[in-house]
Amino acid sequence: MVCAVVAVAAGGCGSDQDQTAAVPGTTGTPRQRAVAAGHAFLRRYVDPDGRVVRRDQGGDTVSEGQAYAMLVAVALNDRTTFDRVWGWTAKRLRRPDGLLSWHWAGGTVTDRQPSADADLDAAHALRLAARRWRRPGLARTARAMADAMRGAEIRDGVVMAGPWATARGLTNPSYYDPRALAALHMDDVARATRALVATVTAGGSRPPTDWATLGPPAAPTSPPSGAGPPAYGYDAARVAIRLAASCDPDDRRIAANLTSLKTAAPARHPVFTVARAAVAHARRDGAHSADLLDQASAQDHAQPTYYGAAWVALGRLLLDTDLLGRC
């Protein structure tokens, strides 16, 4: 059993099936595995009051995590958890303009700036919940958030990193979520942001970077702090997952071309492994995608993290089920 958990990161000790045999959530149908991963994330990281706690990062909370839990709860048809998470989020993070302050710690908001990925994911979750549970009030809230994004977080049709980045033309390619934009009837934004992602990845022939500038021309760039060169990191790993889960063939084509991700980053963190699974999924290699998703589950089991658990759950739900919508 020790070998089954550790060898995934080390790269040895038998076959992929042997390495994951003792890991919860790696047996059953793909749908059962996705549901198990979703329950595991909610159980481990959502407090009774609805706060999503980054237990491995000092116990703080980010708007992104609240949105992830909302999406997972909708997928699992868990209305009780959804209401708790959204209730906490709306009470403590929602700003007067409807967007979400991104960081909360020590009992208070520590940074009121929104992050566009969290706003988009939360609006998407609200829209899905409104449809699934026939709650039109949630649909109105989702629409208001989308409208607020248009006013503060979108420039030249492209999703920016947040209001703070709009004037600078700074975007994060992993904030592009074609499923969310389609659900919110923001097709124009999807087209413009897809074009940017295609440009900065050269159609998928090179890895995405965490940060990019709007241009023209759009180009990879250093982090906002200016520290370090453009890089494929923990943010950028989400690009392949979101593209592979898209209903648009142009998005899936870019994802299928991202074969360089196999060597672009260390494989030990689950989000990078789920990204590689997404590439395999986009290339219609279901067996390889399934093996990689099981490896990601094993990695998270060996070294649990909030971010890893979130993307094991979301990756499985997006790639292997229609619980977050179908094309």
Protein backbone atom coordinates (compact mmCIF):
# COMPACT_ATOMS: atom_id res chain seq x y z
CA MET A 1 0.00 0.00 0.00
CA VAL A 2 2.86 2.37 0.73
CA CYS A 3 4.15 1.71 -2.76
CA ALA A 4 0.70 2.41 -4.24
CA VAL A 5 0.64 5.90 -2.78
CA VAL A 6 4.24 6.97 -3.16
CA ALA A 7 5.24 5.45 -6.46
CA VAL A 8 3.01 7.71 -8.53
CA ALA A 9 5.25 10.63 -7.70
CA ALA A 10 8.43 8.59 -7.83
CA GLY A 11 7.59 6.96 -11.15
CA GLY A 12 8.18 3.35 -10.15
CA CYS A 13 6.77 0.25 -8.42
CA GLY A 14 4.61 -1.46 -10.99
CA SER A 15 1.78 -0.50 -13.26
CA ASP A 16 -0.50 2.51 -12.98
CA GLN A 17 -3.30 0.18 -11.87
CA ASP A 18 -1.11 -1.21 -9.07
CA GLN A 19 -0.15 2.27 -7.94
CA THR A 20 -3.75 3.41 -7.47
CA ALA A 21 -5.38 0.18 -6.31
CA ALA A 22 -5.53 1.26 -2.65
CA VAL A 23 -6.59 4.85 -3.28
CA PRO A 24 -10.21 5.83 -2.51
CA GLY A 25 -12.15 6.99 -5.55
CA THR A 26 -10.19 4.97 -8.11
CA THR A 27 -12.67 2.11 -8.42
CA GLY A 28 -16.10 1.99 -9.98
CA THR A 29 -17.38 3.69 -13.11
CA PRO A 30 -15.97 7.06 -14.22
CA ARG A 31 -19.11 8.72 -12.92
CA GLN A 32 -18.77 7.01 -9.53
CA ARG A 33 -15.14 8.07 -9.31
CA ALA A 34 -16.06 11.66 -10.12
CA VAL A 35 -18.83 11.70 -7.52
CA ALA A 36 -16.48 10.23 -4.91
CA ALA A 37 -13.86 12.91 -5.67
CA GLY A 38 -16.49 15.62 -5.38
CA HIS A 39 -17.71 14.36 -2.02
CA ALA A 40 -14.12 14.08 -0.79
CA PHE A 41 -13.39 17.71 -1.66
CA LEU A 42 -16.53 19.01 0.04
CA ARG A 43 -15.99 16.84 3.10
CA ARG A 44 -12.35 17.84 3.57
CA TYR A 45 -12.45 21.54 2.83
CA VAL A 46 -15.94 22.96 3.47
CA ASP A 47 -16.63 24.02 7.06
CA PRO A 48 -20.17 23.69 8.51
CA ASP A 49 -20.83 27.40 7.95
CA GLY A 50 -20.02 27.13 4.23
CA ARG A 51 -16.49 28.52 4.24
CA VAL A 52 -14.00 26.68 2.03
CA VAL A 53 -10.76 26.47 4.00
CA ARG A 54 -7.33 26.16 2.41
CA ARG A 55 -6.11 23.94 5.21
CA ASP A 56 -2.69 23.48 3.66
CA GLN A 57 -2.20 27.23 3.12
CA GLY A 58 -2.74 28.68 6.56
CA GLY A 59 -6.48 28.25 6.84
CA ASP A 60 -7.47 31.22 4.69
CA THR A 61 -10.24 31.41 2.09
CA VAL A 62 -10.31 32.63 -1.51
CA SER A 63 -13.29 33.39 -3.72
CA GLU A 64 -12.02 30.76 -6.17
CA GLY A 65 -12.47 28.04 -3.56
CA GLN A 66 -16.01 29.14 -2.75
CA ALA A 67 -16.86 28.96 -6.45
CA TYR A 68 -15.26 25.52 -6.81
CA ALA A 69 -17.37 24.17 -3.96
CA MET A 70 -20.51 25.67 -5.48
CA LEU A 71 -19.80 23.94 -8.79
CA VAL A 72 -19.10 20.62 -7.10
CA ALA A 73 -22.25 20.89 -4.97
CA VAL A 74 -24.40 21.56 -8.03
CA ALA A 75 -22.85 18.60 -9.83
CA LEU A 76 -23.64 16.35 -6.87
CA ASN A 77 -27.17 17.77 -6.56
CA ASP A 78 -26.27 18.79 -3.01
CA ARG A 79 -28.55 21.75 -2.47
CA THR A 80 -27.80 21.98 1.25
CA THR A 81 -24.06 22.40 0.75
CA PHE A 82 -24.58 24.77 -2.15
CA ASP A 83 -26.78 27.03 -0.04
CA ARG A 84 -24.30 27.03 2.83
CA VAL A 85 -21.36 27.87 0.57
CA TRP A 86 -23.19 30.53 -1.41
CA GLY A 87 -24.69 31.98 1.78
CA TRP A 88 -21.24 32.41 3.33
CA THR A 89 -19.88 33.83 0.08
CA ALA A 90 -22.69 36.31 -0.46
CA LYS A 91 -22.58 37.52 3.14
CA ARG A 92 -18.81 37.94 3.48
CA LEU A 93 -17.27 38.32 0.02
CA ARG A 94 -19.89 39.92 -2.20
CA ARG A 95 -19.16 43.54 -3.01
CA PRO A 96 -21.75 46.26 -3.78
CA ASP A 97 -21.11 45.76 -7.50
CA GLY A 98 -21.92 42.04 -7.20
CA LEU A 99 -18.37 40.77 -7.72
CA LEU A 100 -16.49 38.83 -5.04
CA SER A 101 -13.59 40.02 -2.90
CA TRP A 102 -10.91 37.45 -3.53
CA HIS A 103 -9.25 36.97 -0.12
CA TRP A 104 -10.53 36.39 3.42
CA ALA A 105 -8.41 35.52 6.45
CA GLY A 106 -8.51 35.95 10.20
CA GLY A 107 -12.21 36.70 10.27
CA THR A 108 -12.28 39.46 7.66
CA VAL A 109 -11.75 40.36 4.01
CA THR A 110 -8.09 41.19 3.55
CA ASP A 111 -8.25 42.16 -0.14
CA ARG A 112 -11.43 43.48 -1.74
CA GLN A 113 -10.18 43.16 -5.31
CA PRO A 114 -12.13 40.56 -7.32
CA SER A 115 -10.59 37.74 -9.33
CA ALA A 116 -12.35 37.15 -12.62
CA ASP A 117 -12.07 33.35 -12.58
CA ALA A 118 -13.90 33.14 -9.27
CA ASP A 119 -16.58 35.56 -10.45
CA LEU A 120 -17.11 33.56 -13.63
CA ASP A 121 -17.14 30.19 -11.85
CA ALA A 122 -19.55 31.47 -9.19
CA ALA A 123 -21.91 32.95 -11.78
CA HIS A 124 -21.77 29.67 -13.68
CA ALA A 125 -22.60 27.69 -10.54
CA LEU A 126 -25.50 30.00 -9.77
CA ARG A 127 -26.84 29.61 -13.29
CA LEU A 128 -26.60 25.82 -13.12
CA ALA A 129 -28.25 25.78 -9.70
CA ALA A 130 -31.08 27.99 -10.91
CA ARG A 131 -31.82 25.55 -13.71
CA ARG A 132 -31.40 22.35 -11.71
CA TRP A 133 -33.47 23.43 -8.72
CA ARG A 134 -35.84 25.82 -10.51
CA ARG A 135 -34.76 28.89 -8.55
CA PRO A 136 -35.08 31.95 -10.78
CA GLY A 137 -33.61 34.22 -8.13
CA LEU A 138 -30.26 32.50 -8.55
CA ALA A 139 -30.46 33.05 -12.31
CA ARG A 140 -30.98 36.78 -11.74
CA THR A 141 -27.97 36.86 -9.43
CA ALA A 142 -25.86 35.05 -12.02
CA ARG A 143 -26.93 37.54 -14.67
CA ALA A 144 -26.06 40.47 -12.41
CA MET A 145 -22.59 39.03 -11.80
CA ALA A 146 -22.04 38.53 -15.52
CA ASP A 147 -23.11 42.12 -16.17
CA ALA A 148 -20.75 43.35 -13.46
CA MET A 149 -17.94 41.38 -15.09
CA ARG A 150 -18.65 43.08 -18.39
CA GLY A 151 -18.34 46.43 -16.70
CA ALA A 152 -15.15 45.76 -14.78
CA GLU A 153 -13.32 42.60 -15.88
CA ILE A 154 -13.63 42.44 -19.66
CA ARG A 155 -11.67 44.52 -22.14
CA ASP A 156 -11.92 44.27 -25.92
CA GLY A 157 -14.11 41.24 -25.36
CA VAL A 158 -11.44 39.35 -23.39
CA VAL A 159 -11.68 38.23 -19.77
CA MET A 160 -9.06 40.15 -17.81
CA ALA A 161 -7.56 38.99 -14.52
CA GLY A 162 -9.74 41.42 -12.56
CA PRO A 163 -10.61 45.13 -12.36
CA TRP A 164 -7.08 45.88 -11.18
CA ALA A 165 -5.68 44.35 -14.40
CA THR A 166 -8.10 45.77 -16.95
CA ALA A 167 -6.25 49.03 -17.59
CA ARG A 168 -2.99 47.10 -17.85
CA GLY A 169 -4.40 44.64 -20.37
CA LEU A 170 -3.29 41.78 -18.14
CA THR A 171 -5.06 38.47 -18.36
CA ASN A 172 -4.69 34.95 -17.07
CA PRO A 173 -5.43 32.41 -19.83
CA SER A 174 -6.71 29.89 -17.30
CA TYR A 175 -9.59 32.22 -16.45
CA TYR A 176 -11.13 31.35 -19.82
CA ASP A 177 -13.98 28.92 -19.15
CA PRO A 178 -15.94 28.26 -22.34
CA ARG A 179 -18.65 26.28 -20.56
CA ALA A 180 -19.31 29.09 -18.11
CA LEU A 181 -19.38 31.74 -20.82
CA ALA A 182 -21.80 29.66 -22.88
CA ALA A 183 -24.11 29.12 -19.90
CA LEU A 184 -24.14 32.87 -19.27
CA HIS A 185 -24.77 33.70 -22.95
CA MET A 186 -21.44 35.51 -23.29
CA ASP A 187 -20.52 34.01 -26.65
CA ASP A 188 -18.77 37.17 -27.81
CA VAL A 189 -16.44 37.01 -24.81
CA ALA A 190 -15.78 33.34 -25.48
CA ARG A 191 -14.75 34.06 -29.06
CA ALA A 192 -12.40 36.88 -28.14
CA THR A 193 -10.82 35.06 -25.20
CA ARG A 194 -10.44 31.84 -27.21
CA ALA A 195 -8.53 33.82 -29.83
CA LEU A 196 -6.17 35.15 -27.16
CA VAL A 197 -5.56 31.67 -25.74
CA ALA A 198 -4.94 30.32 -29.23
CA THR A 199 -2.41 33.07 -29.87
CA VAL A 200 -0.42 32.73 -26.65
CA THR A 201 -0.28 28.92 -27.01
CA ALA A 202 0.37 29.04 -30.79
CA GLY A 203 -2.70 26.91 -31.29
CA GLY A 204 -1.65 24.53 -28.53
CA SER A 205 1.87 23.87 -29.84
CA ARG A 206 3.42 25.45 -26.76
CA PRO A 207 2.28 25.36 -23.13
CA PRO A 208 0.03 28.13 -21.82
CA THR A 209 1.51 30.57 -19.34
CA ASP A 210 0.02 31.79 -16.09
CA TRP A 211 -0.11 35.36 -17.41
CA ALA A 212 -0.49 37.10 -20.75
CA THR A 213 -0.93 40.61 -22.09
CA LEU A 214 -3.82 41.61 -24.31
CA GLY A 215 -1.56 43.32 -26.85
CA PRO A 216 -1.92 43.55 -29.72
CA PRO A 217 -0.42 41.16 -30.28
CA ALA A 218 -1.35 39.00 -27.29
CA ALA A 219 1.74 37.49 -25.70
CA PRO A 220 2.88 35.55 -22.63
CA THR A 221 4.20 37.76 -19.84
CA SER A 222 5.75 37.65 -16.39
CA PRO A 223 3.63 37.56 -13.23
CA PRO A 224 2.16 40.89 -12.08
CA SER A 225 4.96 41.18 -9.53
CA GLY A 226 7.48 41.10 -12.35
CA ALA A 227 9.35 38.29 -10.64
CA GLY A 228 10.43 35.64 -13.11
CA PRO A 229 9.78 34.92 -16.77
CA PRO A 230 6.49 33.74 -18.27
CA ALA A 231 5.85 30.22 -17.00
CA TYR A 232 3.52 27.25 -17.17
CA GLY A 233 2.47 26.98 -13.53
CA TYR A 234 -0.38 26.04 -11.24
CA ASP A 235 -2.78 28.52 -12.86
CA ALA A 236 -1.96 27.63 -16.45
CA ALA A 237 -2.54 23.92 -15.83
CA ARG A 238 -6.27 24.70 -15.76
CA VAL A 239 -6.22 25.81 -19.42
CA ALA A 240 -6.14 22.30 -20.84
CA ILE A 241 -8.89 21.13 -18.48
CA ARG A 242 -11.28 23.93 -19.33
CA LEU A 243 -10.59 23.64 -23.07
CA ALA A 244 -10.99 19.86 -23.15
CA ALA A 245 -14.34 20.15 -21.36
CA SER A 246 -15.63 22.73 -23.84
CA CYS A 247 -18.50 22.06 -26.22
CA ASP A 248 -16.70 24.04 -28.93
CA PRO A 249 -14.50 21.95 -31.25
CA ASP A 250 -12.01 24.82 -31.61
CA ASP A 251 -11.35 24.73 -27.86
CA ARG A 252 -10.97 20.95 -27.85
CA ARG A 253 -8.59 21.17 -30.81
CA ILE A 254 -6.27 23.48 -28.88
CA ALA A 255 -6.40 21.13 -25.89
CA ALA A 256 -5.57 18.13 -28.06
CA ASN A 257 -2.48 19.93 -29.36
CA LEU A 258 -1.08 20.59 -25.86
CA THR A 259 1.00 17.41 -25.86
CA SER A 260 4.03 19.35 -24.59
CA LEU A 261 2.41 19.44 -21.13
CA LYS A 262 3.86 16.00 -20.48
CA THR A 263 7.27 17.58 -19.87
CA ALA A 264 6.26 21.18 -19.14
CA ALA A 265 5.99 20.85 -15.35
CA PRO A 266 6.71 18.41 -12.55
CA ALA A 267 4.03 15.71 -12.57
CA ARG A 268 3.81 15.42 -8.81
CA HIS A 269 0.98 17.88 -8.23
CA PRO A 270 -2.48 16.59 -9.18
CA VAL A 271 -3.44 19.66 -11.21
CA PHE A 272 -0.64 18.99 -13.71
CA THR A 273 -1.66 15.35 -13.98
CA VAL A 274 -5.32 16.28 -14.51
CA ALA A 275 -4.17 18.70 -17.23
CA ARG A 276 -2.40 15.85 -19.01
CA ALA A 277 -5.55 13.74 -18.62
CA ALA A 278 -7.49 16.56 -20.27
CA VAL A 279 -5.13 16.50 -23.26
CA ALA A 280 -5.62 12.74 -23.58
CA HIS A 281 -9.39 13.25 -23.29
CA ALA A 282 -9.32 15.85 -26.06
CA ARG A 283 -7.34 13.41 -28.19
CA ARG A 284 -10.03 10.77 -27.52
CA ASP A 285 -7.62 8.53 -25.67
CA GLY A 286 -10.01 7.57 -22.91
CA ALA A 287 -7.90 4.83 -21.39
CA HIS A 288 -4.87 7.09 -20.94
CA SER A 289 -7.04 9.89 -19.58
CA ALA A 290 -8.58 7.50 -17.03
CA ASP A 291 -5.13 6.27 -15.94
CA LEU A 292 -3.92 9.84 -15.45
CA LEU A 293 -7.01 10.81 -13.46
CA ASP A 294 -6.38 7.86 -11.16
CA GLN A 295 -2.76 8.97 -10.80
CA ALA A 296 -3.97 12.44 -9.84
CA SER A 297 -6.24 10.92 -7.20
CA ALA A 298 -3.29 8.95 -5.85
CA GLN A 299 -1.13 12.07 -5.72
CA ASP A 300 -3.78 13.94 -3.78
CA HIS A 301 -4.24 10.97 -1.46
CA ALA A 302 -0.49 10.88 -0.76
CA GLN A 303 -0.19 14.61 -0.15
CA PRO A 304 -3.61 16.25 0.29
CA THR A 305 -3.99 19.87 -0.79
CA TYR A 306 -7.01 22.10 -1.27
CA TYR A 307 -6.06 22.93 -4.87
CA GLY A 308 -5.21 19.37 -5.81
CA ALA A 309 -8.45 17.99 -4.37
CA ALA A 310 -10.47 20.70 -6.11
CA TRP A 311 -9.04 19.91 -9.53
CA VAL A 312 -9.20 16.16 -9.11
CA ALA A 313 -12.92 16.62 -8.40
CA LEU A 314 -13.59 19.22 -11.07
CA GLY A 315 -11.43 17.44 -13.63
CA ARG A 316 -13.28 14.18 -13.17
CA LEU A 317 -16.69 15.88 -13.17
CA LEU A 318 -15.92 17.90 -16.30
CA LEU A 319 -14.13 15.25 -18.31
CA ASP A 320 -15.98 12.07 -17.33
CA THR A 321 -19.57 13.14 -16.60
CA ASP A 322 -22.34 15.45 -17.74
CA LEU A 323 -23.12 16.53 -14.17
CA LEU A 324 -21.98 20.09 -14.95
CA GLY A 325 -23.94 20.18 -18.18
CA ARG A 326 -23.88 18.44 -21.52
CA CYS A 327 -23.10 19.62 -25.04
